[in-house]
N, C-alpha and C. Protein backbone atom coordinates (compact mmCIF):
# COMPACT_ATOMS: atom_id res chain seq x y z
N UNK A 1 79.62 108.40 108.61
CA UNK A 1 79.20 107.84 107.52
C UNK A 1 80.00 107.39 106.14
N UNK A 2 81.00 108.15 106.02
CA UNK A 2 82.05 107.77 105.05
C UNK A 2 82.51 106.45 105.36
N UNK A 3 82.79 105.82 106.53
CA UNK A 3 83.20 104.54 106.67
C UNK A 3 82.02 103.59 106.20
N UNK A 4 80.83 104.01 106.64
CA UNK A 4 79.83 103.13 106.32
C UNK A 4 79.71 102.89 104.75
N UNK A 5 79.79 103.90 104.17
CA UNK A 5 79.70 103.92 102.53
C UNK A 5 80.67 103.03 102.12
N UNK A 6 81.93 103.08 102.59
CA UNK A 6 82.97 102.23 102.05
C UNK A 6 82.75 100.59 102.41
N UNK A 7 82.37 100.61 103.63
CA UNK A 7 81.70 99.19 103.98
C UNK A 7 80.70 98.57 103.06
N UNK A 8 79.90 99.41 102.63
CA UNK A 8 78.78 98.89 101.68
C UNK A 8 79.28 98.57 100.36
N UNK A 9 80.24 99.49 99.86
CA UNK A 9 80.95 99.17 98.66
C UNK A 9 81.72 97.78 98.70
N UNK A 10 82.36 97.66 99.81
CA UNK A 10 83.01 96.18 99.96
C UNK A 10 82.04 95.04 99.95
N UNK A 11 80.99 95.23 100.59
CA UNK A 11 79.91 94.13 100.80
C UNK A 11 79.31 93.98 99.23
N UNK A 12 79.19 95.06 98.70
CA UNK A 12 78.49 94.96 97.35
C UNK A 12 79.47 94.36 96.41
N UNK A 13 80.61 94.54 96.47
CA UNK A 13 81.98 93.96 95.59
C UNK A 13 82.07 92.67 95.93
N UNK A 14 81.94 92.26 97.01
CA UNK A 14 81.90 90.70 97.52
C UNK A 14 80.90 89.91 96.97
N UNK A 15 79.55 90.79 97.01
CA UNK A 15 78.52 89.83 96.37
C UNK A 15 78.48 89.81 94.87
N UNK A 16 79.01 90.73 94.15
CA UNK A 16 79.19 90.66 92.79
C UNK A 16 80.09 89.56 92.31
N UNK A 17 81.27 89.42 92.94
CA UNK A 17 82.23 88.36 92.76
C UNK A 17 81.76 87.14 93.04
N UNK A 18 81.11 86.94 94.29
CA UNK A 18 80.65 85.59 94.41
C UNK A 18 79.43 85.09 93.59
N UNK A 19 78.79 86.19 93.25
CA UNK A 19 77.54 85.85 92.28
C UNK A 19 78.21 85.31 90.83
N UNK A 20 79.02 86.08 90.33
CA UNK A 20 79.68 85.83 89.10
C UNK A 20 80.23 84.41 89.38
N UNK A 21 80.92 84.08 90.25
CA UNK A 21 81.46 82.76 90.38
C UNK A 21 80.36 81.64 90.38
N UNK A 22 79.37 82.02 91.07
CA UNK A 22 78.28 81.09 91.30
C UNK A 22 77.51 80.90 89.94
N UNK A 23 77.36 81.78 89.21
CA UNK A 23 76.81 81.81 87.84
C UNK A 23 77.59 80.93 86.88
N UNK A 24 79.19 81.15 86.89
CA UNK A 24 80.00 80.47 86.20
C UNK A 24 79.88 79.01 86.63
N UNK A 25 80.00 78.67 87.78
CA UNK A 25 79.89 77.37 88.34
C UNK A 25 78.64 76.49 87.87
N UNK A 26 77.44 77.22 87.98
CA UNK A 26 76.24 76.53 87.38
C UNK A 26 76.02 76.58 86.13
N UNK A 27 76.93 77.11 85.22
CA UNK A 27 76.90 77.02 83.90
C UNK A 27 76.13 78.10 83.09
N UNK A 28 75.58 79.10 84.09
CA UNK A 28 74.90 80.13 83.51
C UNK A 28 75.64 81.32 82.97
N UNK A 29 76.98 81.51 83.27
CA UNK A 29 77.74 82.57 82.91
C UNK A 29 79.31 81.97 82.64
N UNK A 30 79.37 81.96 81.18
CA UNK A 30 80.80 81.27 80.67
C UNK A 30 82.00 82.24 81.22
N UNK A 31 83.10 81.55 81.35
CA UNK A 31 84.29 82.38 81.85
C UNK A 31 84.56 83.30 80.54
N UNK A 32 84.49 82.82 79.21
CA UNK A 32 84.65 83.57 78.09
C UNK A 32 83.61 84.60 77.71
N UNK A 33 82.64 84.56 78.48
CA UNK A 33 81.61 85.91 78.35
C UNK A 33 82.10 87.06 78.94
N UNK A 34 82.07 88.14 78.27
CA UNK A 34 82.79 89.48 78.75
C UNK A 34 82.05 89.81 80.19
N UNK A 35 80.90 89.38 80.44
CA UNK A 35 80.42 89.92 81.73
C UNK A 35 81.02 89.06 82.90
N UNK A 36 81.51 87.95 82.79
CA UNK A 36 82.29 87.42 83.95
C UNK A 36 83.51 88.22 84.40
N UNK A 37 84.48 88.49 83.56
CA UNK A 37 85.66 89.43 83.99
C UNK A 37 85.15 90.67 84.38
N UNK A 38 84.15 91.13 83.76
CA UNK A 38 83.68 92.36 83.99
C UNK A 38 83.10 92.61 85.42
N UNK A 39 82.45 91.42 85.85
CA UNK A 39 81.73 91.66 87.11
C UNK A 39 82.92 91.32 88.23
N UNK A 40 83.92 90.51 87.84
CA UNK A 40 84.84 90.40 88.73
C UNK A 40 85.61 91.75 88.95
N UNK A 41 85.92 92.38 87.92
CA UNK A 41 86.54 93.73 88.00
C UNK A 41 86.05 94.72 88.69
N UNK A 42 84.64 94.74 88.37
CA UNK A 42 83.86 95.84 89.33
C UNK A 42 83.91 95.37 90.81
N UNK A 43 83.65 94.20 91.04
CA UNK A 43 83.61 93.61 92.49
C UNK A 43 85.11 93.96 93.13
N UNK A 44 86.17 93.51 92.49
CA UNK A 44 87.42 93.96 92.94
C UNK A 44 88.00 95.30 93.35
N UNK A 45 87.16 96.32 92.39
CA UNK A 45 87.64 97.54 92.65
C UNK A 45 86.60 98.12 93.71
N UNK A 46 85.50 97.57 93.94
CA UNK A 46 84.56 98.05 94.94
C UNK A 46 85.29 97.41 96.36
N UNK A 47 85.82 96.45 96.46
CA UNK A 47 86.52 95.84 97.59
C UNK A 47 87.82 96.67 97.89
N UNK A 48 88.62 97.04 96.82
CA UNK A 48 89.66 97.84 97.09
C UNK A 48 89.21 99.24 97.44
N UNK A 49 88.07 99.80 97.01
CA UNK A 49 87.64 101.01 97.81
C UNK A 49 87.57 100.69 99.24
N UNK A 50 86.94 99.89 99.58
CA UNK A 50 86.38 99.47 100.88
C UNK A 50 87.78 99.44 101.94
N UNK A 51 88.74 98.91 101.25
CA UNK A 51 89.80 98.76 101.89
C UNK A 51 90.78 100.11 102.25
N UNK A 52 90.32 101.18 101.52
CA UNK A 52 90.83 102.59 101.93
C UNK A 52 90.56 103.22 103.38
N UNK A 53 89.34 102.49 103.76
CA UNK A 53 88.97 102.86 105.18
C UNK A 53 89.63 101.93 106.20
N UNK A 54 89.67 100.59 105.92
CA UNK A 54 90.04 99.48 106.93
C UNK A 54 91.24 98.72 106.17
N UNK A 55 92.33 99.44 106.18
CA UNK A 55 93.46 98.80 105.30
C UNK A 55 93.97 97.34 105.94
N UNK A 56 94.09 96.62 104.70
CA UNK A 56 94.59 95.12 105.01
C UNK A 56 95.25 94.93 103.75
N UNK A 57 96.64 94.97 104.02
CA UNK A 57 97.59 94.52 102.91
C UNK A 57 97.38 93.33 102.15
N UNK A 58 97.15 92.23 102.59
CA UNK A 58 97.23 91.03 102.02
C UNK A 58 95.59 90.88 101.16
N UNK A 59 94.79 91.36 101.80
CA UNK A 59 93.40 91.74 100.93
C UNK A 59 93.42 92.54 99.84
N UNK A 60 94.39 93.50 100.12
CA UNK A 60 94.59 94.64 98.88
C UNK A 60 95.61 93.99 97.86
N UNK A 61 96.22 93.14 98.19
CA UNK A 61 97.23 92.48 97.28
C UNK A 61 96.26 91.50 96.28
N UNK A 62 95.64 90.75 97.09
CA UNK A 62 94.74 89.80 96.20
C UNK A 62 93.90 90.47 95.25
N UNK A 63 93.14 91.54 95.98
CA UNK A 63 92.30 92.40 95.26
C UNK A 63 92.78 93.03 93.74
N UNK A 64 94.13 93.40 94.11
CA UNK A 64 94.91 94.12 93.00
C UNK A 64 94.93 93.14 91.90
N UNK A 65 95.59 91.93 92.23
CA UNK A 65 95.81 90.80 91.13
C UNK A 65 94.34 90.37 90.61
N UNK A 66 93.21 90.31 91.41
CA UNK A 66 91.90 89.86 90.85
C UNK A 66 91.58 90.88 89.91
N UNK A 67 91.74 92.29 90.05
CA UNK A 67 91.19 93.30 89.14
C UNK A 67 92.13 93.20 87.86
N UNK A 68 93.38 93.00 88.04
CA UNK A 68 94.29 92.97 87.00
C UNK A 68 94.04 91.87 85.96
N UNK A 69 93.79 90.71 86.68
CA UNK A 69 93.50 89.35 85.81
C UNK A 69 92.06 89.64 85.01
N UNK A 70 91.23 90.17 85.78
CA UNK A 70 89.86 90.59 85.33
C UNK A 70 90.01 91.43 84.21
N UNK A 71 90.81 92.48 84.22
CA UNK A 71 91.05 93.43 83.27
C UNK A 71 91.49 92.76 81.98
N UNK A 72 92.57 91.78 82.29
CA UNK A 72 93.22 91.22 81.20
C UNK A 72 91.92 90.40 80.47
N UNK A 73 91.21 89.54 81.11
CA UNK A 73 90.11 88.62 80.77
C UNK A 73 88.99 89.70 79.85
N UNK A 74 88.69 90.66 80.53
CA UNK A 74 87.78 91.43 79.81
C UNK A 74 88.24 92.04 78.36
N UNK A 75 89.61 92.39 78.50
CA UNK A 75 90.24 92.92 77.02
C UNK A 75 90.36 91.85 76.16
N UNK A 76 90.53 90.36 76.69
CA UNK A 76 90.62 89.27 75.80
C UNK A 76 89.17 89.05 75.07
N UNK A 77 88.30 89.03 76.00
CA UNK A 77 87.03 88.68 75.66
C UNK A 77 86.41 89.61 74.59
N UNK A 78 86.66 90.94 74.74
CA UNK A 78 86.09 91.85 73.74
C UNK A 78 86.99 92.02 72.46
N UNK A 79 88.09 91.39 72.42
CA UNK A 79 88.89 91.43 71.02
C UNK A 79 88.10 90.56 69.94
N UNK A 80 88.06 91.10 68.76
CA UNK A 80 87.46 90.28 67.57
C UNK A 80 88.33 89.23 67.54
N UNK A 81 87.36 87.94 67.16
CA UNK A 81 88.25 86.67 67.05
C UNK A 81 88.85 86.67 65.72
């Protein structure tokens, strides 16, 4: 059951990242909107969680950087102008 839950987290995380990208590309979610990096951060963390069960170093590396860049973008978007 534990494996299936982690797999579910990975699938949900992937869906969140892809949905954020789709909304961005269709002009419904700007890159400067705090929700864009927040969605990417949540998605990357969920995918990283899933990798604790089915380890894949290249996937973990890209998700780590995806999360770090998303965190930077989130902090930047929440700073007062």
